[in-house]
């Protein structure tokens, strides 16, 4: 889930820079490259993690309970955490997300099959190797992969212009772009930026194809009239690479726009702060990897036998460094106390005791205890990171260390070690 959030935020930032700085540029091929690179960056950035970047931000994310308070007398606990029976909030969100992904993948599959069926009609091969399918149905002219589909009416009126336009789509491999953008939208269907980027990509496709038509020497006025006629007709739209796309006004404006200054392409550098910010956010939200702890294994009593058969035993210690596995601060599936939050609160409520001396001396305060939930769910490395009093510290540490095994945390489907911080307040009524 964290991967999706970071990816969505990264894509939104890069799209914002693009729309502010680059949408009016006439360098359509360059803009297309920037949009596709934005998709690639949004997919990769959540996987980037620089040690130390955002480390402090990640530390506070591991606190399980907002506050546990132990009062003198009958122990009571106060916490902002709430227990949920059955499916948790994250489970429900995962179900909703996967349902959306499946829905949009099915829609993409249906549209693709429909286009393939139409394109496999009776066709003629054009001089550039592309295929032309003429249909009696009132489809808007479109191309899919290496096939152009045109109604017979459009072919008789403006066949040469339309074919040239759709051949540009084919030669520039726009169908591959469309499929990539559609799959990205299916994965991030909840992200408006993904759908806006797809729309911007389709605009750039049409700008590129329009420029190719005019580059072949077609009259600009005649071509614009052709665009307007196609836009005013009621058609069935099948594919994204369509001659009669809904960007007619923008296409006409772009056709009549003078070429941009070549230096305008340097505006892409404005994306660097957005990329840097996204990497920092990714590193802050990724696991906080601790330096491997070193354990020493001693080997003692080595016997040495000389040539005379005498044996001597020497006490020798070899330190063998055994690095432990990394400890995560935040993972995709956080560890869970058996029975959930309510069961954890009940365990603490039943086991924490206010030390008698501390009650008499009116000592109170907040203890911070950290511990690691191992791969098998056991509790290890419990320690007090913020002390109040030795007896209070010892009581908090005792109860945390004695907790039963948890459900271990998982990162990318694998069980991992996860570090928690629990604050416990000892207060007198």
Protein backbone atom coordinates (compact mmCIF):
# COMPACT_ATOMS: atom_id res chain seq x y z
CA UNK A 1 0.00 0.00 0.00
CA UNK A 2 2.86 2.38 0.82
CA UNK A 3 4.32 1.70 -2.63
CA UNK A 4 1.08 2.84 -4.29
CA UNK A 5 0.83 6.00 -2.20
CA UNK A 6 4.42 7.07 -2.89
CA UNK A 7 4.02 6.26 -6.59
CA UNK A 8 0.78 8.27 -6.81
CA UNK A 9 2.29 11.30 -5.08
CA UNK A 10 5.39 11.18 -7.30
CA UNK A 11 3.29 11.00 -10.46
CA UNK A 12 1.08 13.89 -9.34
CA UNK A 13 4.10 16.12 -8.67
CA UNK A 14 5.71 15.38 -12.04
CA UNK A 15 2.44 15.85 -13.91
CA UNK A 16 1.91 19.20 -12.19
CA UNK A 17 5.31 20.40 -13.40
CA UNK A 18 4.58 19.14 -16.91
CA UNK A 19 1.21 20.86 -17.17
CA UNK A 20 2.57 24.16 -15.85
CA UNK A 21 5.80 24.27 -17.84
CA UNK A 22 5.55 22.12 -20.97
CA UNK A 23 2.02 21.65 -22.33
CA UNK A 24 2.30 24.54 -24.83
CA UNK A 25 5.59 23.37 -26.30
CA UNK A 26 5.59 22.30 -29.95
CA UNK A 27 8.27 19.67 -29.27
CA UNK A 28 5.72 16.88 -29.15
CA UNK A 29 8.20 14.01 -29.33
CA UNK A 30 10.10 15.43 -26.37
CA UNK A 31 6.88 15.92 -24.40
CA UNK A 32 5.90 12.34 -25.14
CA UNK A 33 9.25 11.16 -23.79
CA UNK A 34 8.76 13.24 -20.62
CA UNK A 35 5.30 11.77 -19.99
CA UNK A 36 6.45 8.20 -20.48
CA UNK A 37 9.49 8.88 -18.30
CA UNK A 38 7.15 10.19 -15.60
CA UNK A 39 5.33 6.86 -15.61
CA UNK A 40 8.61 4.99 -15.34
CA UNK A 41 9.84 7.25 -12.53
CA UNK A 42 6.59 6.84 -10.60
CA UNK A 43 7.02 3.07 -10.82
CA UNK A 44 10.68 3.11 -9.69
CA UNK A 45 10.87 5.88 -7.06
CA UNK A 46 9.01 3.89 -4.35
CA UNK A 47 11.72 1.23 -4.65
CA UNK A 48 14.53 3.72 -3.97
CA UNK A 49 15.87 3.94 -0.44
CA UNK A 50 18.90 5.87 0.68
CA UNK A 51 20.04 5.07 4.20
CA UNK A 52 19.75 8.09 6.46
CA UNK A 53 17.37 10.03 4.21
CA UNK A 54 14.19 10.67 6.09
CA UNK A 55 15.36 8.42 8.93
CA UNK A 56 13.97 10.65 11.65
CA UNK A 57 10.59 10.83 9.97
CA UNK A 58 10.41 7.06 9.89
CA UNK A 59 11.22 6.63 13.57
CA UNK A 60 7.89 7.96 14.81
CA UNK A 61 5.87 5.79 12.43
CA UNK A 62 6.49 2.65 14.44
CA UNK A 63 4.67 3.72 17.60
CA UNK A 64 1.94 1.16 18.12
CA UNK A 65 -0.10 2.91 20.78
CA UNK A 66 -0.55 6.65 21.20
CA UNK A 67 -0.41 6.39 24.97
CA UNK A 68 -0.61 3.74 27.67
CA UNK A 69 -1.23 5.16 31.10
CA UNK A 70 -0.88 3.23 34.35
CA UNK A 71 -2.42 4.85 37.40
CA UNK A 72 -1.78 4.11 41.04
CA UNK A 73 -4.35 1.75 42.48
CA UNK A 74 -6.30 -0.36 40.02
CA UNK A 75 -4.25 -0.23 36.80
CA UNK A 76 -6.08 1.37 33.87
CA UNK A 77 -4.86 2.08 30.35
CA UNK A 78 -5.80 4.85 27.97
CA UNK A 79 -5.07 4.66 24.26
CA UNK A 80 -6.20 6.24 21.06
CA UNK A 81 -6.00 2.92 19.24
CA UNK A 82 -9.32 1.13 18.56
CA UNK A 83 -9.88 -2.55 18.06
CA UNK A 84 -11.73 -3.85 15.03
CA UNK A 85 -13.34 -7.21 14.76
CA UNK A 86 -13.06 -9.28 11.62
CA UNK A 87 -11.55 -7.45 8.68
CA UNK A 88 -9.43 -4.43 9.55
CA UNK A 89 -9.44 -1.09 7.78
CA UNK A 90 -6.37 -2.03 5.73
CA UNK A 91 -8.00 -5.30 4.69
CA UNK A 92 -11.10 -3.46 3.52
CA UNK A 93 -9.02 -0.93 1.59
CA UNK A 94 -7.07 -3.76 -0.03
CA UNK A 95 -10.32 -5.43 -1.13
CA UNK A 96 -11.67 -2.18 -2.60
CA UNK A 97 -8.38 -1.52 -4.38
CA UNK A 98 -8.11 -5.00 -5.88
CA UNK A 99 -11.75 -4.85 -6.99
CA UNK A 100 -11.02 -1.63 -8.87
CA UNK A 101 -7.89 -3.07 -10.48
CA UNK A 102 -9.76 -6.15 -11.66
CA UNK A 103 -12.62 -4.03 -13.05
CA UNK A 104 -10.32 -1.80 -15.10
CA UNK A 105 -8.19 -4.72 -16.31
CA UNK A 106 -11.34 -6.42 -17.55
CA UNK A 107 -12.38 -3.22 -19.30
CA UNK A 108 -8.98 -2.97 -20.98
CA UNK A 109 -9.19 -6.62 -22.07
CA UNK A 110 -12.69 -6.15 -23.52
CA UNK A 111 -11.63 -3.03 -25.45
CA UNK A 112 -8.51 -4.74 -26.76
CA UNK A 113 -10.44 -7.80 -27.94
CA UNK A 114 -13.02 -5.55 -29.61
CA UNK A 115 -10.30 -3.65 -31.48
CA UNK A 116 -8.60 -6.88 -32.53
CA UNK A 117 -11.87 -8.27 -33.90
CA UNK A 118 -12.51 -5.15 -35.96
CA UNK A 119 -8.91 -5.00 -37.20
CA UNK A 120 -9.00 -8.64 -38.35
CA UNK A 121 -11.61 -7.84 -40.96
CA UNK A 122 -10.95 -7.99 -44.66
CA UNK A 123 -7.97 -5.70 -45.26
CA UNK A 124 -5.65 -4.41 -47.93
CA UNK A 125 -1.93 -3.83 -47.41
CA UNK A 126 -0.69 -0.28 -47.97
CA UNK A 127 2.67 0.72 -49.38
CA UNK A 128 4.23 1.26 -45.95
CA UNK A 129 3.23 -2.21 -44.76
CA UNK A 130 0.25 -1.10 -42.67
CA UNK A 131 -3.17 -2.68 -43.16
CA UNK A 132 -6.36 -0.84 -44.12
CA UNK A 133 -9.81 -2.13 -43.15
CA UNK A 134 -12.85 -0.45 -44.67
CA UNK A 135 -16.07 -0.87 -42.71
CA UNK A 136 -19.71 -0.06 -43.38
CA UNK A 137 -20.24 0.76 -39.68
CA UNK A 138 -20.12 4.34 -38.48
CA UNK A 139 -16.81 4.05 -36.62
CA UNK A 140 -14.60 7.07 -36.14
CA UNK A 141 -11.34 6.48 -38.04
CA UNK A 142 -8.77 4.84 -35.78
CA UNK A 143 -5.62 2.76 -35.81
CA UNK A 144 -4.57 -0.14 -33.60
CA UNK A 145 -1.09 -1.60 -33.83
CA UNK A 146 -0.44 -1.81 -37.63
CA UNK A 147 -4.07 -1.62 -38.80
CA UNK A 148 -6.14 1.39 -39.86
CA UNK A 149 -9.93 1.21 -39.72
CA UNK A 150 -12.00 3.73 -41.73
CA UNK A 151 -15.67 3.85 -42.67
CA UNK A 152 -16.31 3.82 -46.41
CA UNK A 153 -17.87 7.29 -46.19
CA UNK A 154 -14.77 8.81 -44.60
CA UNK A 155 -12.54 6.98 -47.05
CA UNK A 156 -14.38 8.48 -50.04
CA UNK A 157 -14.34 12.03 -48.60
CA UNK A 158 -10.93 12.38 -46.93
CA UNK A 159 -9.27 9.00 -47.24
CA UNK A 160 -5.79 10.28 -48.10
CA UNK A 161 -5.59 12.68 -45.16
CA UNK A 162 -6.97 10.22 -42.63
CA UNK A 163 -4.69 7.41 -43.78
CA UNK A 164 -1.64 9.65 -43.54
CA UNK A 165 -2.67 10.67 -40.01
CA UNK A 166 -3.21 7.09 -38.83
CA UNK A 167 -0.01 5.88 -40.49
CA UNK A 168 1.84 8.41 -38.33
CA UNK A 169 0.28 6.80 -35.23
CA UNK A 170 1.44 3.39 -36.44
CA UNK A 171 5.00 4.43 -37.31
CA UNK A 172 5.40 6.18 -33.95
CA UNK A 173 4.14 3.08 -32.06
CA UNK A 174 1.46 5.04 -30.24
CA UNK A 175 -0.55 1.88 -29.54
CA UNK A 176 2.19 0.69 -27.18
CA UNK A 177 2.02 4.01 -25.30
CA UNK A 178 -1.74 3.68 -24.98
CA UNK A 179 -1.51 0.18 -23.56
CA UNK A 180 1.16 1.23 -21.02
CA UNK A 181 -0.93 4.22 -19.92
CA UNK A 182 -4.07 2.10 -19.63
CA UNK A 183 -2.33 -0.51 -17.48
CA UNK A 184 -0.91 2.22 -15.26
CA UNK A 185 -4.39 3.70 -14.87
CA UNK A 186 -5.72 0.27 -13.92
CA UNK A 187 -3.08 -0.07 -11.22
CA UNK A 188 -3.62 3.50 -9.98
CA UNK A 189 -7.31 3.85 -10.76
CA UNK A 190 -7.76 5.86 -7.56
CA UNK A 191 -5.20 8.47 -8.67
CA UNK A 192 -6.61 11.35 -10.81
CA UNK A 193 -3.06 12.17 -11.93
CA UNK A 194 -2.78 8.82 -13.73
CA UNK A 195 -5.91 9.52 -15.79
CA UNK A 196 -4.82 13.10 -16.51
CA UNK A 197 -1.41 11.90 -17.67
CA UNK A 198 -3.06 9.41 -20.02
CA UNK A 199 -5.17 12.21 -21.48
CA UNK A 200 -2.10 14.41 -21.94
CA UNK A 201 -0.31 11.53 -23.64
CA UNK A 202 -3.18 11.06 -26.08
CA UNK A 203 -3.11 14.80 -26.83
CA UNK A 204 0.60 14.58 -27.65
CA UNK A 205 -0.10 11.59 -29.93
CA UNK A 206 -2.58 13.65 -31.92
CA UNK A 207 -0.22 16.63 -32.08
CA UNK A 208 2.53 14.35 -33.43
CA UNK A 209 0.24 12.81 -36.04
CA UNK A 210 -1.11 16.22 -37.10
CA UNK A 211 2.44 17.53 -37.53
CA UNK A 212 3.28 14.48 -39.66
CA UNK A 213 0.30 15.14 -41.97
CA UNK A 214 1.26 18.78 -42.48
CA UNK A 215 4.86 17.71 -42.95
CA UNK A 216 3.76 15.73 -46.01
CA UNK A 217 2.55 18.97 -47.58
CA UNK A 218 -1.21 18.81 -46.96
CA UNK A 219 -2.97 22.15 -46.91
CA UNK A 220 -3.40 23.34 -43.32
CA UNK A 221 -6.82 24.95 -43.91
CA UNK A 222 -8.24 21.87 -45.59
CA UNK A 223 -6.89 19.67 -42.83
CA UNK A 224 -8.46 21.78 -40.08
CA UNK A 225 -11.83 21.73 -41.85
CA UNK A 226 -11.55 17.96 -42.06
CA UNK A 227 -10.92 17.80 -38.32
CA UNK A 228 -13.98 19.94 -37.59
CA UNK A 229 -16.24 17.83 -39.82
CA UNK A 230 -15.14 14.63 -38.16
CA UNK A 231 -15.57 16.13 -34.70
CA UNK A 232 -19.15 17.22 -35.40
CA UNK A 233 -20.29 13.80 -36.55
CA UNK A 234 -21.69 11.19 -34.16
CA UNK A 235 -19.39 8.19 -34.16
CA UNK A 236 -18.60 5.03 -32.27
CA UNK A 237 -15.16 5.43 -30.71
CA UNK A 238 -13.21 2.18 -30.42
CA UNK A 239 -9.54 2.98 -29.95
CA UNK A 240 -7.49 5.71 -28.34
CA UNK A 241 -5.58 6.45 -31.56
CA UNK A 242 -8.54 8.06 -33.30
CA UNK A 243 -8.54 10.71 -36.02
CA UNK A 244 -11.75 12.24 -34.62
CA UNK A 245 -10.50 12.60 -31.06
CA UNK A 246 -12.12 15.07 -28.70
CA UNK A 247 -9.03 17.33 -28.64
CA UNK A 248 -10.08 19.15 -31.83
CA UNK A 249 -9.85 22.69 -30.42
CA UNK A 250 -6.42 22.09 -28.90
CA UNK A 251 -5.21 20.42 -32.08
CA UNK A 252 -6.26 23.38 -34.21
CA UNK A 253 -4.59 25.80 -31.79
CA UNK A 254 -1.40 23.74 -31.88
CA UNK A 255 -1.45 23.55 -35.70
CA UNK A 256 -1.50 27.36 -35.91
CA UNK A 257 1.06 27.89 -33.16
CA UNK A 258 4.57 28.99 -34.07
CA UNK A 259 7.41 26.66 -33.21
CA UNK A 260 8.66 26.94 -29.65
CA UNK A 261 12.13 28.12 -28.74
CA UNK A 262 14.47 25.10 -28.46
CA UNK A 263 15.48 26.24 -24.97
CA UNK A 264 11.95 25.59 -23.75
CA UNK A 265 12.93 21.95 -23.38
CA UNK A 266 15.16 22.90 -20.46
CA UNK A 267 12.00 23.42 -18.45
CA UNK A 268 12.07 19.70 -17.87
CA UNK A 269 14.76 20.44 -15.26
CA UNK A 270 11.96 21.82 -13.09
CA UNK A 271 11.02 18.20 -12.48
CA UNK A 272 14.24 17.59 -10.58
CA UNK A 273 12.94 19.12 -7.31
CA UNK A 274 9.79 17.01 -7.64
CA UNK A 275 11.89 13.89 -8.18
CA UNK A 276 14.16 14.74 -5.25
CA UNK A 277 11.20 15.34 -2.95
CA UNK A 278 9.65 12.03 -4.01
CA UNK A 279 12.88 10.17 -3.26
CA UNK A 280 13.06 11.76 0.20
CA UNK A 281 9.45 10.78 0.91
CA UNK A 282 10.14 7.25 -0.32
CA UNK A 283 13.22 6.93 1.87
CA UNK A 284 11.35 8.29 4.89
CA UNK A 285 8.50 5.84 4.44
CA UNK A 286 10.64 2.85 3.61
CA UNK A 287 12.01 0.62 6.27
CA UNK A 288 14.55 2.08 8.59
CA UNK A 289 17.41 -0.37 8.24
CA UNK A 290 19.56 -0.63 11.29
CA UNK A 291 23.24 -1.36 11.12
CA UNK A 292 23.84 -5.06 11.67
CA UNK A 293 24.42 -5.93 15.28
CA UNK A 294 27.51 -8.01 15.94
CA UNK A 295 27.46 -11.09 18.08
CA UNK A 296 30.61 -12.74 19.35
CA UNK A 297 30.93 -16.50 19.45
CA UNK A 298 33.76 -17.74 21.67
CA UNK A 299 35.85 -20.83 20.88
CA UNK A 300 37.94 -21.92 23.87
CA UNK A 301 40.21 -24.74 25.01
CA UNK A 302 42.30 -25.70 21.99
CA UNK A 303 44.45 -28.79 22.59
CA UNK A 304 47.87 -29.01 20.93
CA UNK A 305 49.86 -32.27 20.82
CA UNK A 306 53.64 -32.00 20.18
CA UNK A 307 55.95 -34.63 18.62
CA UNK A 308 56.67 -36.22 22.03
CA UNK A 309 53.02 -36.91 22.62
CA UNK A 310 52.62 -34.22 25.27
CA UNK A 311 49.31 -32.42 25.15
CA UNK A 312 48.84 -28.84 26.17
CA UNK A 313 45.56 -27.05 26.43
CA UNK A 314 45.38 -23.31 25.91
CA UNK A 315 42.49 -21.00 26.60
CA UNK A 316 41.99 -19.16 23.32
CA UNK A 317 39.04 -16.98 22.35
CA UNK A 318 38.10 -16.36 18.74
CA UNK A 319 35.51 -13.73 18.04
CA UNK A 320 33.35 -14.69 15.08
CA UNK A 321 31.20 -11.80 13.89
CA UNK A 322 27.67 -12.91 13.10
CA UNK A 323 25.67 -10.01 11.55
CA UNK A 324 21.96 -10.09 12.29
CA UNK A 325 19.28 -9.46 9.71
CA UNK A 326 17.98 -5.96 9.17
CA UNK A 327 15.26 -4.54 11.38
CA UNK A 328 12.39 -2.64 9.76
CA UNK A 329 10.55 0.30 11.27
CA UNK A 330 7.61 0.24 8.83
CA UNK A 331 6.49 -2.67 6.65
CA UNK A 332 3.58 -3.40 4.35
CA UNK A 333 1.94 -5.83 6.81
CA UNK A 334 2.69 -4.68 10.34
CA UNK A 335 3.00 -7.26 13.14
CA UNK A 336 -0.10 -7.83 15.24
CA UNK A 337 -0.61 -8.93 18.81
CA UNK A 338 -2.64 -12.19 18.94
CA UNK A 339 -6.25 -11.12 19.20
CA UNK A 340 -5.62 -7.57 18.04
CA UNK A 341 -5.28 -4.24 19.80
CA UNK A 342 -7.99 -4.94 22.38
CA UNK A 343 -6.26 -8.15 23.43
CA UNK A 344 -2.96 -6.29 23.79
CA UNK A 345 -4.60 -3.66 25.98
CA UNK A 346 -6.14 -6.38 28.15
CA UNK A 347 -2.73 -8.04 28.54
CA UNK A 348 -1.11 -4.80 29.64
CA UNK A 349 -4.06 -3.94 31.89
CA UNK A 350 -3.72 -7.27 33.66
CA UNK A 351 0.04 -7.33 34.06
CA UNK A 352 1.32 -3.81 34.65
CA UNK A 353 1.72 -2.83 38.33
CA UNK A 354 2.61 0.55 39.74
CA UNK A 355 5.76 0.09 41.91
CA UNK A 356 4.95 0.67 45.60
CA UNK A 357 7.98 2.87 46.31
CA UNK A 358 7.19 5.06 43.35
CA UNK A 359 3.64 5.53 44.60
CA UNK A 360 4.91 6.52 48.04
CA UNK A 361 7.49 8.91 46.59
CA UNK A 362 4.93 10.21 44.04
CA UNK A 363 7.18 9.41 41.12
CA UNK A 364 5.41 9.50 37.78
CA UNK A 365 6.29 10.00 34.15
CA UNK A 366 6.44 8.51 30.68
CA UNK A 367 8.58 5.51 29.77
CA UNK A 368 9.43 4.68 26.16
CA UNK A 369 10.12 1.01 25.50
CA UNK A 370 11.31 -0.35 22.16
CA UNK A 371 11.31 -3.99 21.16
CA UNK A 372 11.69 -6.13 18.03
CA UNK A 373 9.07 -8.55 16.77
CA UNK A 374 11.10 -11.38 15.29
CA UNK A 375 10.21 -13.43 12.21
CA UNK A 376 8.64 -16.08 14.44
CA UNK A 377 6.67 -13.45 16.37
CA UNK A 378 8.77 -13.61 19.53
CA UNK A 379 9.79 -10.44 21.38
CA UNK A 380 13.48 -9.53 21.59
CA UNK A 381 15.82 -6.61 22.21
CA UNK A 382 13.41 -4.84 24.55
CA UNK A 383 15.00 -1.75 26.03
CA UNK A 384 14.03 1.52 27.65
CA UNK A 385 14.89 4.49 25.47
CA UNK A 386 13.37 7.11 27.76
CA UNK A 387 13.68 6.53 31.50
CA UNK A 388 11.63 7.76 34.48
CA UNK A 389 12.76 5.70 37.46
CA UNK A 390 14.66 2.38 37.67
CA UNK A 391 11.68 0.56 39.20
CA UNK A 392 9.15 2.05 36.78
CA UNK A 393 11.51 1.33 33.88
CA UNK A 394 11.96 -2.25 35.05
CA UNK A 395 8.19 -2.80 35.36
CA UNK A 396 7.49 -1.52 31.84
CA UNK A 397 10.38 -3.55 30.47
CA UNK A 398 9.26 -6.69 32.32
CA UNK A 399 5.73 -6.62 30.92
CA UNK A 400 6.82 -5.86 27.36
CA UNK A 401 9.49 -8.58 27.40
CA UNK A 402 6.98 -11.17 28.68
CA UNK A 403 4.44 -10.60 25.90
CA UNK A 404 3.36 -13.74 24.01
CA UNK A 405 4.42 -14.24 20.38
CA UNK A 406 2.92 -11.82 17.88
CA UNK A 407 1.83 -12.38 14.32
CA UNK A 408 5.07 -11.40 12.50
CA UNK A 409 5.31 -8.51 10.08
CA UNK A 410 5.75 -9.01 6.34
CA UNK A 411 7.49 -7.05 3.62
CA UNK A 412 6.74 -8.09 0.03
CA UNK A 413 5.23 -11.32 1.32
CA UNK A 414 8.24 -12.34 3.43
CA UNK A 415 8.34 -12.36 7.23
CA UNK A 416 10.77 -9.75 8.58
CA UNK A 417 11.95 -8.30 11.89
CA UNK A 418 10.05 -5.14 12.89
CA UNK A 419 10.84 -2.63 15.61
CA UNK A 420 8.12 -1.02 17.76
CA UNK A 421 8.13 1.79 20.29
CA UNK A 422 5.54 1.77 23.08
CA UNK A 423 5.07 4.82 25.37
CA UNK A 424 3.81 4.01 28.90
CA UNK A 425 2.73 6.78 31.26
CA UNK A 426 2.81 6.17 35.02
CA UNK A 427 0.60 8.71 36.78
CA UNK A 428 -0.82 9.13 40.25
CA UNK A 429 -4.49 9.92 40.77
